[in-house]
Amino acid sequence: MDSFKDHRKPSHRRFERSGQRNRRAPDESTGAEGDYLRSLVDSRSEVTVVLENGEQLRGRVRYCDLNCFSIQLADRGLNVFLRKSSVLYIYEE
């Protein structure tokens, strides 16, 4: 039995395509994040944004987009654009 060798060529295809359809990945967003940011823009309430590096920014959300938003800093009056991916969380004061 030890002398038996499989003489078939190894298949280099990792995935079989027969019967599979190209499917789109499910949306990870329900739209609630955008609605919440828009409500912060409309209400003009003070928020604290905590970034991934631990830095905290206080101010008002002025603008929101699909990938970024703008906050007007409370102490300096500057508008800062932030990518949503760099934000750990936001809380209202």
Foldseek 3Di string as FASTA:
>chain_A
DVVDDDPDDDDPDDDDPPPDDDDDDDDPDPCVVVVVLVVQQVVQFWKWWAFPVGDIFIAGWNADDDFWTWGQGPPPRDIDIDGPVGTPDMDTD
